[in-house]
Amino acid sequence: MNDWLTLNEAATYLKIHPRTLALWARQKKVPAHRLSGIRRSVWRFLQRELDAMLGASSADSAEEGSYESTATH
């Protein structure tokens, strides 16, 4: 299942401002697919790629949190 999202839909899904998401896409901080438009770039996002990114960042945060709690004891 390919759930393609527009910039606004993906921003709503991630609960961030669309301009922030566009910046992150240009900086390659989020998985994004650039389509060439006539006057400007158009971004599309796959929901499963965003979910995978969120899952990876949550796992990284959990690992850091467990390290910090064991390091202080």
PDB file of N, CA and C in Angstrom:
ATOM      1  N   MET A   1       0.843  -1.183   0.000  1.00  0.00           N
ATOM      2  CA  MET A   1       0.000   0.000   0.000  1.00  0.00           C
ATOM      3  C   MET A   1       0.889   1.247   0.000  1.00  0.00           C
ATOM      4  N   ASN A   2       0.740   2.091  -0.997  1.00  0.00           N
ATOM      5  CA  ASN A   2       1.517   3.320  -1.110  1.00  0.00           C
ATOM      6  C   ASN A   2       0.641   4.502  -0.734  1.00  0.00           C
ATOM      7  N   ASP A   3       0.847   5.011   0.457  1.00  0.00           N
ATOM      8  CA  ASP A   3       0.095   6.173   0.902  1.00  0.00           C
ATOM      9  C   ASP A   3       0.943   7.428   0.733  1.00  0.00           C
ATOM     10  N   TRP A   4       0.823   8.045  -0.429  1.00  0.00           N
ATOM     11  CA  TRP A   4       1.551   9.267  -0.707  1.00  0.00           C
ATOM     12  C   TRP A   4       0.849  10.439  -0.037  1.00  0.00           C
ATOM     13  N   LEU A   5       1.624  11.302   0.594  1.00  0.00           N
ATOM     14  CA  LEU A   5       1.085  12.487   1.256  1.00  0.00           C
ATOM     15  C   LEU A   5       1.672  13.737   0.615  1.00  0.00           C
ATOM     16  N   THR A   6       0.859  14.771   0.530  1.00  0.00           N
ATOM     17  CA  THR A   6       1.358  16.075   0.092  1.00  0.00           C
ATOM     18  C   THR A   6       2.139  16.698   1.247  1.00  0.00           C
ATOM     19  N   LEU A   7       2.768  17.817   0.985  1.00  0.00           N
ATOM     20  CA  LEU A   7       3.505  18.523   2.032  1.00  0.00           C
ATOM     21  C   LEU A   7       2.595  18.883   3.195  1.00  0.00           C
ATOM     22  N   ASN A   8       1.430  19.434   2.897  1.00  0.00           N
ATOM     23  CA  ASN A   8       0.504  19.827   3.968  1.00  0.00           C
ATOM     24  C   ASN A   8      -0.032  18.620   4.734  1.00  0.00           C
ATOM     25  N   GLU A   9      -0.346  17.539   4.020  1.00  0.00           N
ATOM     26  CA  GLU A   9      -0.839  16.337   4.690  1.00  0.00           C
ATOM     27  C   GLU A   9       0.231  15.727   5.591  1.00  0.00           C
ATOM     28  N   ALA A  10       1.466  15.675   5.088  1.00  0.00           N
ATOM     29  CA  ALA A  10       2.562  15.112   5.878  1.00  0.00           C
ATOM     30  C   ALA A  10       2.866  15.989   7.092  1.00  0.00           C
ATOM     31  N   ALA A  11       2.808  17.298   6.924  1.00  0.00           N
ATOM     32  CA  ALA A  11       3.041  18.210   8.042  1.00  0.00           C
ATOM     33  C   ALA A  11       1.971  18.030   9.111  1.00  0.00           C
ATOM     34  N   THR A  12       0.733  17.896   8.692  1.00  0.00           N
ATOM     35  CA  THR A  12      -0.357  17.639   9.636  1.00  0.00           C
ATOM     36  C   THR A  12      -0.140  16.305  10.338  1.00  0.00           C
ATOM     37  N   TYR A  13       0.257  15.292   9.593  1.00  0.00           N
ATOM     38  CA  TYR A  13       0.508  13.961  10.150  1.00  0.00           C
ATOM     39  C   TYR A  13       1.614  14.009  11.207  1.00  0.00           C
ATOM     40  N   LEU A  14       2.669  14.797  10.920  1.00  0.00           N
ATOM     41  CA  LEU A  14       3.799  14.910  11.850  1.00  0.00           C
ATOM     42  C   LEU A  14       3.587  15.981  12.919  1.00  0.00           C
ATOM     43  N   LYS A  15       2.508  16.742  12.766  1.00  0.00           N
ATOM     44  CA  LYS A  15       2.161  17.818  13.697  1.00  0.00           C
ATOM     45  C   LYS A  15       3.245  18.896  13.755  1.00  0.00           C
ATOM     46  N   ILE A  16       3.690  19.295  12.564  1.00  0.00           N
ATOM     47  CA  ILE A  16       4.656  20.387  12.441  1.00  0.00           C
ATOM     48  C   ILE A  16       4.159  21.339  11.358  1.00  0.00           C
ATOM     49  N   HIS A  17       4.779  22.497  11.256  1.00  0.00           N
ATOM     50  CA  HIS A  17       4.405  23.492  10.258  1.00  0.00           C
ATOM     51  C   HIS A  17       4.913  23.049   8.886  1.00  0.00           C
ATOM     52  N   PRO A  18       4.135  23.260   7.826  1.00  0.00           N
ATOM     53  CA  PRO A  18       4.576  22.856   6.484  1.00  0.00           C
ATOM     54  C   PRO A  18       5.914  23.452   6.055  1.00  0.00           C
ATOM     55  N   ARG A  19       6.195  24.681   6.441  1.00  0.00           N
ATOM     56  CA  ARG A  19       7.492  25.286   6.076  1.00  0.00           C
ATOM     57  C   ARG A  19       8.648  24.548   6.740  1.00  0.00           C
ATOM     58  N   THR A  20       8.437  24.106   7.970  1.00  0.00           N
ATOM     59  CA  THR A  20       9.470  23.336   8.671  1.00  0.00           C
ATOM     60  C   THR A  20       9.723  22.030   7.942  1.00  0.00           C
ATOM     61  N   LEU A  21       8.658  21.358   7.534  1.00  0.00           N
ATOM     62  CA  LEU A  21       8.805  20.094   6.817  1.00  0.00           C
ATOM     63  C   LEU A  21       9.506  20.303   5.479  1.00  0.00           C
ATOM     64  N   ALA A  22       9.179  21.362   4.771  1.00  0.00           N
ATOM     65  CA  ALA A  22       9.845  21.653   3.495  1.00  0.00           C
ATOM     66  C   ALA A  22      11.340  21.893   3.713  1.00  0.00           C
ATOM     67  N   LEU A  23      11.681  22.604   4.768  1.00  0.00           N
ATOM     68  CA  LEU A  23      13.087  22.839   5.092  1.00  0.00           C
ATOM     69  C   LEU A  23      13.787  21.524   5.395  1.00  0.00           C
ATOM     70  N   TRP A  24      13.171  20.703   6.222  1.00  0.00           N
ATOM     71  CA  TRP A  24      13.759  19.397   6.563  1.00  0.00           C
ATOM     72  C   TRP A  24      13.912  18.527   5.325  1.00  0.00           C
ATOM     73  N   ALA A  25      12.958  18.602   4.409  1.00  0.00           N
ATOM     74  CA  ALA A  25      13.043  17.817   3.170  1.00  0.00           C
ATOM     75  C   ALA A  25      14.234  18.283   2.334  1.00  0.00           C
ATOM     76  N   ARG A  26      14.411  19.603   2.210  1.00  0.00           N
ATOM     77  CA  ARG A  26      15.561  20.137   1.461  1.00  0.00           C
ATOM     78  C   ARG A  26      16.880  19.744   2.117  1.00  0.00           C
ATOM     79  N   GLN A  27      16.897  19.682   3.437  1.00  0.00           N
ATOM     80  CA  GLN A  27      18.102  19.323   4.187  1.00  0.00           C
ATOM     81  C   GLN A  27      18.282  17.805   4.326  1.00  0.00           C
ATOM     82  N   LYS A  28      17.357  17.049   3.753  1.00  0.00           N
ATOM     83  CA  LYS A  28      17.371  15.588   3.787  1.00  0.00           C
ATOM     84  C   LYS A  28      17.300  15.029   5.212  1.00  0.00           C
ATOM     85  N   LYS A  29      16.585  15.739   6.083  1.00  0.00           N
ATOM     86  CA  LYS A  29      16.379  15.278   7.457  1.00  0.00           C
ATOM     87  C   LYS A  29      15.185  14.333   7.562  1.00  0.00           C
ATOM     88  N   VAL A  30      14.328  14.353   6.546  1.00  0.00           N
ATOM     89  CA  VAL A  30      13.167  13.455   6.496  1.00  0.00           C
ATOM     90  C   VAL A  30      13.148  12.806   5.119  1.00  0.00           C
ATOM     91  N   PRO A  31      12.617  11.588   5.023  1.00  0.00           N
ATOM     92  CA  PRO A  31      12.511  10.952   3.705  1.00  0.00           C
ATOM     93  C   PRO A  31      11.462  11.666   2.865  1.00  0.00           C
ATOM     94  N   ALA A  32      11.888  12.195   1.730  1.00  0.00           N
ATOM     95  CA  ALA A  32      10.989  12.969   0.874  1.00  0.00           C
ATOM     96  C   ALA A  32      11.322  12.699  -0.586  1.00  0.00           C
ATOM     97  N   HIS A  33      10.341  12.908  -1.430  1.00  0.00           N
ATOM     98  CA  HIS A  33      10.491  12.695  -2.866  1.00  0.00           C
ATOM     99  C   HIS A  33      10.131  13.990  -3.578  1.00  0.00           C
ATOM    100  N   ARG A  34      11.096  14.516  -4.322  1.00  0.00           N
ATOM    101  CA  ARG A  34      10.926  15.809  -4.983  1.00  0.00           C
ATOM    102  C   ARG A  34      10.413  15.614  -6.403  1.00  0.00           C
ATOM    103  N   LEU A  35       9.355  16.289  -6.704  1.00  0.00           N
ATOM    104  CA  LEU A  35       8.812  16.303  -8.056  1.00  0.00           C
ATOM    105  C   LEU A  35       9.101  17.676  -8.641  1.00  0.00           C
ATOM    106  N   SER A  36       9.451  17.722  -9.894  1.00  0.00           N
ATOM    107  CA  SER A  36       9.751  19.029 -10.476  1.00  0.00           C
ATOM    108  C   SER A  36       8.457  19.682 -10.955  1.00  0.00           C
ATOM    109  N   GLY A  37       8.264  20.878 -10.488  1.00  0.00           N
ATOM    110  CA  GLY A  37       7.119  21.669 -10.915  1.00  0.00           C
ATOM    111  C   GLY A  37       7.571  22.712 -11.909  1.00  0.00           C
ATOM    112  N   ILE A  38       6.649  23.460 -12.426  1.00  0.00           N
ATOM    113  CA  ILE A  38       6.992  24.479 -13.411  1.00  0.00           C
ATOM    114  C   ILE A  38       7.726  25.637 -12.737  1.00  0.00           C
ATOM    115  N   ARG A  39       7.202  26.115 -11.615  1.00  0.00           N
ATOM    116  CA  ARG A  39       7.793  27.269 -10.951  1.00  0.00           C
ATOM    117  C   ARG A  39       8.499  26.931  -9.651  1.00  0.00           C
ATOM    118  N   ARG A  40       8.140  25.792  -9.046  1.00  0.00           N
ATOM    119  CA  ARG A  40       8.743  25.446  -7.761  1.00  0.00           C
ATOM    120  C   ARG A  40       8.739  23.937  -7.587  1.00  0.00           C
ATOM    121  N   SER A  41       9.466  23.479  -6.599  1.00  0.00           N
ATOM    122  CA  SER A  41       9.509  22.049  -6.321  1.00  0.00           C
ATOM    123  C   SER A  41       8.256  21.621  -5.581  1.00  0.00           C
ATOM    124  N   VAL A  42       7.853  20.418  -5.848  1.00  0.00           N
ATOM    125  CA  VAL A  42       6.707  19.825  -5.176  1.00  0.00           C
ATOM    126  C   VAL A  42       7.226  18.606  -4.429  1.00  0.00           C
ATOM    127  N   TRP A  43       6.877  18.495  -3.158  1.00  0.00           N
ATOM    128  CA  TRP A  43       7.326  17.387  -2.332  1.00  0.00           C
ATOM    129  C   TRP A  43       6.199  16.400  -2.101  1.00  0.00           C
ATOM    130  N   ARG A  44       6.554  15.120  -2.080  1.00  0.00           N
ATOM    131  CA  ARG A  44       5.628  14.052  -1.711  1.00  0.00           C
ATOM    132  C   ARG A  44       6.336  13.172  -0.687  1.00  0.00           C
ATOM    133  N   PHE A  45       5.544  12.601   0.195  1.00  0.00           N
ATOM    134  CA  PHE A  45       6.073  11.804   1.293  1.00  0.00           C
ATOM    135  C   PHE A  45       5.304  10.495   1.372  1.00  0.00           C
ATOM    136  N   LEU A  46       6.013   9.409   1.619  1.00  0.00           N
ATOM    137  CA  LEU A  46       5.367   8.122   1.843  1.00  0.00           C
ATOM    138  C   LEU A  46       5.131   7.960   3.332  1.00  0.00           C
ATOM    139  N   GLN A  47       3.902   7.677   3.690  1.00  0.00           N
ATOM    140  CA  GLN A  47       3.558   7.571   5.105  1.00  0.00           C
ATOM    141  C   GLN A  47       4.390   6.490   5.800  1.00  0.00           C
ATOM    142  N   ARG A  48       4.633   5.357   5.126  1.00  0.00           N
ATOM    143  CA  ARG A  48       5.414   4.283   5.759  1.00  0.00           C
ATOM    144  C   ARG A  48       6.853   4.706   6.024  1.00  0.00           C
ATOM    145  N   GLU A  49       7.421   5.570   5.163  1.00  0.00           N
ATOM    146  CA  GLU A  49       8.775   6.071   5.395  1.00  0.00           C
ATOM    147  C   GLU A  49       8.797   7.031   6.587  1.00  0.00           C
ATOM    148  N   LEU A  50       7.765   7.842   6.710  1.00  0.00           N
ATOM    149  CA  LEU A  50       7.674   8.745   7.864  1.00  0.00           C
ATOM    150  C   LEU A  50       7.499   7.940   9.146  1.00  0.00           C
ATOM    151  N   ASP A  51       6.666   6.884   9.093  1.00  0.00           N
ATOM    152  CA  ASP A  51       6.472   6.026  10.256  1.00  0.00           C
ATOM    153  C   ASP A  51       7.783   5.358  10.665  1.00  0.00           C
ATOM    154  N   ALA A  52       8.544   4.878   9.675  1.00  0.00           N
ATOM    155  CA  ALA A  52       9.829   4.237   9.961  1.00  0.00           C
ATOM    156  C   ALA A  52      10.799   5.231  10.593  1.00  0.00           C
ATOM    157  N   MET A  53      10.800   6.472  10.090  1.00  0.00           N
ATOM    158  CA  MET A  53      11.665   7.505  10.646  1.00  0.00           C
ATOM    159  C   MET A  53      11.283   7.803  12.097  1.00  0.00           C
ATOM    160  N   LEU A  54       9.984   7.897  12.349  1.00  0.00           N
ATOM    161  CA  LEU A  54       9.519   8.171  13.709  1.00  0.00           C
ATOM    162  C   LEU A  54       9.846   7.010  14.636  1.00  0.00           C
ATOM    163  N   GLY A  55       9.703   5.793  14.153  1.00  0.00           N
ATOM    164  CA  GLY A  55      10.033   4.624  14.958  1.00  0.00           C
ATOM    165  C   GLY A  55      11.505   4.581  15.296  1.00  0.00           C
ATOM    166  N   ALA A  56      12.356   4.938  14.338  1.00  0.00           N
ATOM    167  CA  ALA A  56      13.795   4.937  14.569  1.00  0.00           C
ATOM    168  C   ALA A  56      14.181   6.028  15.565  1.00  0.00           C
ATOM    169  N   SER A  57      13.582   7.209  15.455  1.00  0.00           N
ATOM    170  CA  SER A  57      13.935   8.292  16.372  1.00  0.00           C
ATOM    171  C   SER A  57      13.417   7.994  17.775  1.00  0.00           C
ATOM    172  N   SER A  58      12.282   7.301  17.895  1.00  0.00           N
ATOM    173  CA  SER A  58      11.767   6.920  19.207  1.00  0.00           C
ATOM    174  C   SER A  58      12.675   5.892  19.854  1.00  0.00           C
ATOM    175  N   ALA A  59      13.180   4.953  19.061  1.00  0.00           N
ATOM    176  CA  ALA A  59      14.078   3.933  19.587  1.00  0.00           C
ATOM    177  C   ALA A  59      15.385   4.572  20.037  1.00  0.00           C
ATOM    178  N   ASP A  60      15.889   5.538  19.269  1.00  0.00           N
ATOM    179  CA  ASP A  60      17.113   6.232  19.651  1.00  0.00           C
ATOM    180  C   ASP A  60      16.922   6.982  20.962  1.00  0.00           C
ATOM    181  N   SER A  61      15.779   7.645  21.114  1.00  0.00           N
ATOM    182  CA  SER A  61      15.492   8.388  22.342  1.00  0.00           C
ATOM    183  C   SER A  61      15.386   7.451  23.528  1.00  0.00           C
ATOM    184  N   ALA A  62      14.757   6.296  23.330  1.00  0.00           N
ATOM    185  CA  ALA A  62      14.604   5.335  24.413  1.00  0.00           C
ATOM    186  C   ALA A  62      15.961   4.793  24.840  1.00  0.00           C
ATOM    187  N   GLU A  63      16.834   4.535  23.874  1.00  0.00           N
ATOM    188  CA  GLU A  63      18.173   4.039  24.200  1.00  0.00           C
ATOM    189  C   GLU A  63      18.968   5.091  24.951  1.00  0.00           C
ATOM    190  N   GLU A  64      18.867   6.345  24.535  1.00  0.00           N
ATOM    191  CA  GLU A  64      19.579   7.421  25.228  1.00  0.00           C
ATOM    192  C   GLU A  64      19.061   7.577  26.649  1.00  0.00           C
ATOM    193  N   GLY A  65      17.752   7.499  26.811  1.00  0.00           N
ATOM    194  CA  GLY A  65      17.144   7.635  28.140  1.00  0.00           C
ATOM    195  C   GLY A  65      17.581   6.525  29.068  1.00  0.00           C
ATOM    196  N   SER A  66      17.655   5.295  28.564  1.00  0.00           N
ATOM    197  CA  SER A  66      18.070   4.183  29.419  1.00  0.00           C
ATOM    198  C   SER A  66      19.549   4.300  29.738  1.00  0.00           C
ATOM    199  N   TYR A  67      20.341   4.813  28.828  1.00  0.00           N
ATOM    200  CA  TYR A  67      21.765   5.008  29.096  1.00  0.00           C
ATOM    201  C   TYR A  67      21.966   6.063  30.180  1.00  0.00           C
ATOM    202  N   GLU A  68      21.222   7.175  30.066  1.00  0.00           N
ATOM    203  CA  GLU A  68      21.353   8.247  31.036  1.00  0.00           C
ATOM    204  C   GLU A  68      20.942   7.780  32.431  1.00  0.00           C
ATOM    205  N   SER A  69      19.880   7.002  32.510  1.00  0.00           N
ATOM    206  CA  SER A  69      19.428   6.566  33.837  1.00  0.00           C
ATOM    207  C   SER A  69      20.403   5.583  34.456  1.00  0.00           C
ATOM    208  N   THR A  70      21.073   4.753  33.650  1.00  0.00           N
ATOM    209  CA  THR A  70      22.049   3.827  34.215  1.00  0.00           C
ATOM    210  C   THR A  70      23.378   4.501  34.456  1.00  0.00           C
ATOM    211  N   ALA A  71      23.682   5.527  33.713  1.00  0.00           N
ATOM    212  CA  ALA A  71      24.960   6.222  33.863  1.00  0.00           C
ATOM    213  C   ALA A  71      25.001   7.050  35.133  1.00  0.00           C
ATOM    214  N   THR A  72      23.849   7.509  35.606  1.00  0.00           N
ATOM    215  CA  THR A  72      23.828   8.373  36.773  1.00  0.00           C
ATOM    216  C   THR A  72      23.839   7.570  38.068  1.00  0.00           C
ATOM    217  N   HIS A  73      23.600   6.260  37.978  1.00  0.00           N
ATOM    218  CA  HIS A  73      23.564   5.451  39.205  1.00  0.00           C
ATOM    219  C   HIS A  73      24.868   4.790  39.478  1.00  0.00           C
TER     220      HIS A  73
END
